[in-house]
Amino acid sequence: MSNSFSYSSYQKPSLNKGLTFIEVLVAVFILVTGILGAVAMQASAKKGSFDAMQRSVASALAQDIVERMRSNNATTLAEYAATDYGETLNSLPANRCYKLDSLCTPAEMVINDQYEWEVSLMGADVVNDGNNQAGLTGVRGCISQALNAVTVVVSWEGRTEIADAEKDNCGTAGNKRRQVIVKAFIN
């Protein structure tokens, strides 16, 4: 047996243990990219949630006035028809129709319903330091009536631009206009 030692088979122990600077930079880049993606996804989800909340509010407002019309006399439907709801808040009705000792006629109920609906449309029912805090931005309500068929349109301005639906001439036309249209038959 030969006891010869060969330098070619001998390996020197490695002095480089751990990560290199480039490996650390790549790992940090991947981590930062993931965090930025999560932040962007959260912002997008928040916008979508806000848009969904606005649509839900508009739908509830449209259903509210339809139910108000249903609870009133069917002969008063034509008095609800208007295209300027939300433009300016009407004056406070003389008879508010919500006390037991102040029963209203159907015509007085229409005036009260219109006022209450417009207050809700404009967000004037929630006030902080004199400013409306609720409601929709650039809101407009339109009600049309033909016999017992009623169409209620709630139009508002969304935050992002999309193609204008142009289904109804309610509100200001533009790339941010959103609309909820509710059709009902009231007898």
C-alpha atoms as a PDB file:
ATOM      1  CA  MET A   1       0.000   0.000   0.000  1.00  0.00           C
ATOM      2  CA  SER A   2       1.196   3.364  -0.893  1.00  0.00           C
ATOM      3  CA  ASN A   3       1.166   6.145   1.619  1.00  0.00           C
ATOM      4  CA  SER A   4       1.490   8.850  -0.893  1.00  0.00           C
ATOM      5  CA  PHE A   5      -0.487  12.009  -0.393  1.00  0.00           C
ATOM      6  CA  SER A   6      -1.873  13.886  -3.337  1.00  0.00           C
ATOM      7  CA  TYR A   7      -2.623  17.587  -3.186  1.00  0.00           C
ATOM      8  CA  SER A   8      -5.311  17.216  -5.806  1.00  0.00           C
ATOM      9  CA  SER A   9      -7.524  15.118  -3.549  1.00  0.00           C
ATOM     10  CA  TYR A  10      -7.126  17.437  -0.598  1.00  0.00           C
ATOM     11  CA  GLN A  11      -9.801  20.156  -0.314  1.00  0.00           C
ATOM     12  CA  LYS A  12      -9.230  23.226   1.667  1.00  0.00           C
ATOM     13  CA  PRO A  13     -12.095  24.055   4.089  1.00  0.00           C
ATOM     14  CA  SER A  14     -14.330  26.828   2.708  1.00  0.00           C
ATOM     15  CA  LEU A  15     -14.008  30.169   4.371  1.00  0.00           C
ATOM     16  CA  ASN A  16     -17.287  31.461   2.772  1.00  0.00           C
ATOM     17  CA  LYS A  17     -20.174  30.389   4.933  1.00  0.00           C
ATOM     18  CA  GLY A  18     -23.634  32.098   4.833  1.00  0.00           C
ATOM     19  CA  LEU A  19     -25.295  34.290   2.191  1.00  0.00           C
ATOM     20  CA  THR A  20     -23.659  36.524  -0.311  1.00  0.00           C
ATOM     21  CA  PHE A  21     -24.629  40.168  -0.678  1.00  0.00           C
ATOM     22  CA  ILE A  22     -26.404  39.492  -3.994  1.00  0.00           C
ATOM     23  CA  GLU A  23     -28.495  36.728  -2.474  1.00  0.00           C
ATOM     24  CA  VAL A  24     -29.561  39.095   0.343  1.00  0.00           C
ATOM     25  CA  LEU A  25     -30.485  41.816  -2.192  1.00  0.00           C
ATOM     26  CA  VAL A  26     -32.603  39.367  -4.219  1.00  0.00           C
ATOM     27  CA  ALA A  27     -34.388  38.195  -1.063  1.00  0.00           C
ATOM     28  CA  VAL A  28     -35.083  41.788   0.053  1.00  0.00           C
ATOM     29  CA  PHE A  29     -36.348  42.678  -3.434  1.00  0.00           C
ATOM     30  CA  ILE A  30     -38.773  39.726  -3.427  1.00  0.00           C
ATOM     31  CA  LEU A  31     -39.982  40.612   0.073  1.00  0.00           C
ATOM     32  CA  VAL A  32     -40.532  44.296  -0.787  1.00  0.00           C
ATOM     33  CA  THR A  33     -42.345  43.373  -4.006  1.00  0.00           C
ATOM     34  CA  GLY A  34     -44.693  41.107  -2.039  1.00  0.00           C
ATOM     35  CA  ILE A  35     -45.402  43.778   0.565  1.00  0.00           C
ATOM     36  CA  LEU A  36     -46.096  46.422  -2.104  1.00  0.00           C
ATOM     37  CA  GLY A  37     -48.432  43.988  -3.874  1.00  0.00           C
ATOM     38  CA  ALA A  38     -50.345  43.398  -0.643  1.00  0.00           C
ATOM     39  CA  VAL A  39     -50.658  47.159  -0.039  1.00  0.00           C
ATOM     40  CA  ALA A  40     -51.899  47.727  -3.601  1.00  0.00           C
ATOM     41  CA  MET A  41     -54.412  44.898  -3.220  1.00  0.00           C
ATOM     42  CA  GLN A  42     -55.675  46.425   0.048  1.00  0.00           C
ATOM     43  CA  ALA A  43     -56.139  49.837  -1.614  1.00  0.00           C
ATOM     44  CA  SER A  44     -58.029  48.259  -4.500  1.00  0.00           C
ATOM     45  CA  ALA A  45     -60.254  46.313  -2.109  1.00  0.00           C
ATOM     46  CA  LYS A  46     -60.992  49.504  -0.163  1.00  0.00           C
ATOM     47  CA  LYS A  47     -62.049  51.323  -3.349  1.00  0.00           C
ATOM     48  CA  GLY A  48     -64.263  48.417  -4.364  1.00  0.00           C
ATOM     49  CA  SER A  49     -65.814  48.303  -0.907  1.00  0.00           C
ATOM     50  CA  PHE A  50     -66.546  52.051  -1.013  1.00  0.00           C
ATOM     51  CA  ASP A  51     -68.147  51.766  -4.469  1.00  0.00           C
ATOM     52  CA  ALA A  52     -70.281  48.845  -3.278  1.00  0.00           C
ATOM     53  CA  MET A  53     -71.369  50.839  -0.218  1.00  0.00           C
ATOM     54  CA  GLN A  54     -72.404  53.768  -2.454  1.00  0.00           C
ATOM     55  CA  ARG A  55     -74.451  51.481  -4.705  1.00  0.00           C
ATOM     56  CA  SER A  56     -76.084  49.937  -1.642  1.00  0.00           C
ATOM     57  CA  VAL A  57     -76.992  53.374  -0.254  1.00  0.00           C
ATOM     58  CA  ALA A  58     -78.420  54.459  -3.623  1.00  0.00           C
ATOM     59  CA  SER A  59     -80.476  51.290  -3.876  1.00  0.00           C
ATOM     60  CA  ALA A  60     -81.819  51.721  -0.332  1.00  0.00           C
ATOM     61  CA  LEU A  61     -82.746  55.346  -1.091  1.00  0.00           C
ATOM     62  CA  ALA A  62     -84.614  54.344  -4.251  1.00  0.00           C
ATOM     63  CA  GLN A  63     -86.489  51.608  -2.385  1.00  0.00           C
ATOM     64  CA  ASP A  64     -87.264  54.067   0.420  1.00  0.00           C
ATOM     65  CA  ILE A  65     -89.167  56.495  -1.811  1.00  0.00           C
ATOM     66  CA  VAL A  66     -90.975  53.643  -3.571  1.00  0.00           C
ATOM     67  CA  GLU A  67     -92.204  52.380  -0.189  1.00  0.00           C
ATOM     68  CA  ARG A  68     -93.209  55.906   0.803  1.00  0.00           C
ATOM     69  CA  MET A  69     -95.272  56.170  -2.386  1.00  0.00           C
ATOM     70  CA  ARG A  70     -96.853  52.774  -1.723  1.00  0.00           C
ATOM     71  CA  SER A  71     -97.885  53.792   1.788  1.00  0.00           C
ATOM     72  CA  ASN A  72     -99.562  56.953   0.505  1.00  0.00           C
ATOM     73  CA  ASN A  73    -102.681  57.242  -1.610  1.00  0.00           C
ATOM     74  CA  ALA A  74    -102.182  55.946  -5.194  1.00  0.00           C
ATOM     75  CA  THR A  75    -103.903  59.082  -6.533  1.00  0.00           C
ATOM     76  CA  THR A  76    -100.908  61.157  -5.390  1.00  0.00           C
ATOM     77  CA  LEU A  77     -98.283  59.379  -7.524  1.00  0.00           C
ATOM     78  CA  ALA A  78     -98.074  62.201 -10.067  1.00  0.00           C
ATOM     79  CA  GLU A  79     -97.181  64.660  -7.280  1.00  0.00           C
ATOM     80  CA  TYR A  80     -93.951  62.723  -6.551  1.00  0.00           C
ATOM     81  CA  ALA A  81     -92.717  63.064 -10.149  1.00  0.00           C
ATOM     82  CA  ALA A  82     -89.745  65.449 -10.395  1.00  0.00           C
ATOM     83  CA  THR A  83     -86.179  65.528 -11.723  1.00  0.00           C
ATOM     84  CA  ASP A  84     -84.577  67.945  -9.263  1.00  0.00           C
ATOM     85  CA  TYR A  85     -84.366  65.959  -6.043  1.00  0.00           C
ATOM     86  CA  GLY A  86     -81.018  66.668  -4.410  1.00  0.00           C
ATOM     87  CA  GLU A  87     -80.455  69.966  -6.215  1.00  0.00           C
ATOM     88  CA  THR A  88     -81.431  72.116  -3.225  1.00  0.00           C
ATOM     89  CA  LEU A  89     -83.099  71.089  -0.004  1.00  0.00           C
ATOM     90  CA  ASN A  90     -86.760  72.080   0.104  1.00  0.00           C
ATOM     91  CA  SER A  91     -88.025  74.055   3.067  1.00  0.00           C
ATOM     92  CA  LEU A  92     -89.238  72.230   6.138  1.00  0.00           C
ATOM     93  CA  PRO A  93     -92.891  71.173   5.724  1.00  0.00           C
ATOM     94  CA  ALA A  94     -95.404  72.931   7.974  1.00  0.00           C
ATOM     95  CA  ASN A  95     -96.917  69.635   9.102  1.00  0.00           C
ATOM     96  CA  ARG A  96     -94.248  66.991   9.778  1.00  0.00           C
ATOM     97  CA  CYS A  97     -96.695  64.035   9.775  1.00  0.00           C
ATOM     98  CA  TYR A  98     -94.881  61.953  12.386  1.00  0.00           C
ATOM     99  CA  LYS A  99     -96.894  62.738  15.504  1.00  0.00           C
ATOM    100  CA  LEU A 100    -100.150  61.062  16.468  1.00  0.00           C
ATOM    101  CA  ASP A 101    -101.846  64.420  16.968  1.00  0.00           C
ATOM    102  CA  SER A 102    -100.815  65.702  13.514  1.00  0.00           C
ATOM    103  CA  LEU A 103    -102.505  63.468  10.978  1.00  0.00           C
ATOM    104  CA  CYS A 104    -101.754  64.434   7.399  1.00  0.00           C
ATOM    105  CA  THR A 105    -103.731  64.500   4.213  1.00  0.00           C
ATOM    106  CA  PRO A 106    -102.255  62.542   1.277  1.00  0.00           C
ATOM    107  CA  ALA A 107    -101.038  65.836  -0.265  1.00  0.00           C
ATOM    108  CA  GLU A 108     -99.288  66.820   2.983  1.00  0.00           C
ATOM    109  CA  MET A 109     -97.764  63.351   3.154  1.00  0.00           C
ATOM    110  CA  VAL A 110     -96.304  63.821  -0.351  1.00  0.00           C
ATOM    111  CA  ILE A 111     -94.628  67.075   0.729  1.00  0.00           C
ATOM    112  CA  ASN A 112     -93.287  65.406   3.886  1.00  0.00           C
ATOM    113  CA  ASP A 113     -92.066  62.344   1.954  1.00  0.00           C
ATOM    114  CA  GLN A 114     -90.304  64.522  -0.622  1.00  0.00           C
ATOM    115  CA  TYR A 115     -88.584  66.515   2.108  1.00  0.00           C
ATOM    116  CA  GLU A 116     -87.490  63.409   4.055  1.00  0.00           C
ATOM    117  CA  TRP A 117     -86.207  61.679   0.908  1.00  0.00           C
ATOM    118  CA  GLU A 118     -84.272  64.742  -0.189  1.00  0.00           C
ATOM    119  CA  VAL A 119     -82.712  65.063   3.282  1.00  0.00           C
ATOM    120  CA  SER A 120     -81.548  61.434   2.997  1.00  0.00           C
ATOM    121  CA  LEU A 121     -80.300  61.890  -0.584  1.00  0.00           C
ATOM    122  CA  MET A 122     -78.185  64.887   0.318  1.00  0.00           C
ATOM    123  CA  GLY A 123     -76.908  63.394   3.563  1.00  0.00           C
ATOM    124  CA  ALA A 124     -78.365  66.279   5.545  1.00  0.00           C
ATOM    125  CA  ASP A 125     -79.622  63.884   8.212  1.00  0.00           C
ATOM    126  CA  VAL A 126     -76.041  63.393   9.472  1.00  0.00           C
ATOM    127  CA  VAL A 127     -74.298  66.720  10.177  1.00  0.00           C
ATOM    128  CA  ASN A 128     -70.895  67.458  11.724  1.00  0.00           C
ATOM    129  CA  ASP A 129     -69.796  71.072  12.255  1.00  0.00           C
ATOM    130  CA  GLY A 130     -72.515  72.256   9.883  1.00  0.00           C
ATOM    131  CA  ASN A 131     -71.410  69.977   7.020  1.00  0.00           C
ATOM    132  CA  ASN A 132     -73.366  67.035   5.619  1.00  0.00           C
ATOM    133  CA  GLN A 133     -71.482  63.843   6.466  1.00  0.00           C
ATOM    134  CA  ALA A 134     -73.597  61.186   4.802  1.00  0.00           C
ATOM    135  CA  GLY A 135     -75.208  60.717   1.434  1.00  0.00           C
ATOM    136  CA  LEU A 136     -73.721  60.419  -2.007  1.00  0.00           C
ATOM    137  CA  THR A 137     -71.482  62.836  -3.899  1.00  0.00           C
ATOM    138  CA  GLY A 138     -73.217  64.877  -6.595  1.00  0.00           C
ATOM    139  CA  VAL A 139     -76.475  63.039  -5.959  1.00  0.00           C
ATOM    140  CA  ARG A 140     -79.633  63.591  -7.985  1.00  0.00           C
ATOM    141  CA  GLY A 141     -82.956  61.829  -7.664  1.00  0.00           C
ATOM    142  CA  CYS A 142     -85.520  61.600 -10.454  1.00  0.00           C
ATOM    143  CA  ILE A 143     -89.006  60.133 -10.305  1.00  0.00           C
ATOM    144  CA  SER A 144     -91.190  59.588 -13.343  1.00  0.00           C
ATOM    145  CA  GLN A 145     -94.690  58.190 -13.352  1.00  0.00           C
ATOM    146  CA  ALA A 146     -97.045  56.789 -15.996  1.00  0.00           C
ATOM    147  CA  LEU A 147    -100.375  55.634 -14.598  1.00  0.00           C
ATOM    148  CA  ASN A 148     -99.366  53.278 -11.764  1.00  0.00           C
ATOM    149  CA  ALA A 149     -95.871  52.548 -13.076  1.00  0.00           C
ATOM    150  CA  VAL A 150     -93.108  54.489 -11.309  1.00  0.00           C
ATOM    151  CA  THR A 151     -89.431  54.760 -12.209  1.00  0.00           C
ATOM    152  CA  VAL A 152     -87.012  56.033  -9.567  1.00  0.00           C
ATOM    153  CA  VAL A 153     -83.464  56.922 -10.609  1.00  0.00           C
ATOM    154  CA  VAL A 154     -80.727  57.774  -8.114  1.00  0.00           C
ATOM    155  CA  SER A 155     -77.676  59.200  -9.838  1.00  0.00           C
ATOM    156  CA  TRP A 156     -74.376  60.080  -8.129  1.00  0.00           C
ATOM    157  CA  GLU A 157     -70.727  60.699  -8.888  1.00  0.00           C
ATOM    158  CA  GLY A 158     -68.370  57.788  -8.293  1.00  0.00           C
ATOM    159  CA  ARG A 159     -64.664  58.054  -7.491  1.00  0.00           C
ATOM    160  CA  THR A 160     -63.252  56.470 -10.631  1.00  0.00           C
ATOM    161  CA  GLU A 161     -63.993  57.012 -14.295  1.00  0.00           C
ATOM    162  CA  ILE A 162     -66.015  54.463 -16.242  1.00  0.00           C
ATOM    163  CA  ALA A 163     -68.206  54.647 -19.327  1.00  0.00           C
ATOM    164  CA  ASP A 164     -71.356  56.680 -18.664  1.00  0.00           C
ATOM    165  CA  ALA A 165     -74.398  54.403 -18.784  1.00  0.00           C
ATOM    166  CA  GLU A 166     -76.571  57.106 -20.394  1.00  0.00           C
ATOM    167  CA  LYS A 167     -79.690  55.086 -19.542  1.00  0.00           C
ATOM    168  CA  ASP A 168     -81.502  58.025 -18.013  1.00  0.00           C
ATOM    169  CA  ASN A 169     -81.004  61.768 -18.147  1.00  0.00           C
ATOM    170  CA  CYS A 170     -80.989  62.021 -14.364  1.00  0.00           C
ATOM    171  CA  GLY A 171     -77.938  63.801 -12.967  1.00  0.00           C
ATOM    172  CA  THR A 172     -74.919  65.264 -14.675  1.00  0.00           C
ATOM    173  CA  ALA A 173     -73.624  63.178 -17.564  1.00  0.00           C
ATOM    174  CA  GLY A 174     -69.994  62.177 -17.307  1.00  0.00           C
ATOM    175  CA  ASN A 175     -67.520  59.338 -16.938  1.00  0.00           C
ATOM    176  CA  LYS A 176     -68.042  59.183 -13.165  1.00  0.00           C
ATOM    177  CA  ARG A 177     -71.837  59.036 -13.149  1.00  0.00           C
ATOM    178  CA  ARG A 178     -73.374  55.989 -11.507  1.00  0.00           C
ATOM    179  CA  GLN A 179     -77.081  55.184 -11.469  1.00  0.00           C
ATOM    180  CA  VAL A 180     -79.510  52.899  -9.741  1.00  0.00           C
ATOM    181  CA  ILE A 181     -82.852  52.536 -11.510  1.00  0.00           C
ATOM    182  CA  VAL A 182     -85.833  51.013  -9.714  1.00  0.00           C
ATOM    183  CA  LYS A 183     -89.112  50.378 -11.526  1.00  0.00           C
ATOM    184  CA  ALA A 184     -92.242  49.607  -9.546  1.00  0.00           C
ATOM    185  CA  PHE A 185     -95.961  49.208 -10.015  1.00  0.00           C
ATOM    186  CA  ILE A 186     -98.025  50.882  -7.304  1.00  0.00           C
ATOM    187  CA  ASN A 187    -101.754  50.324  -6.919  1.00  0.00           C
END
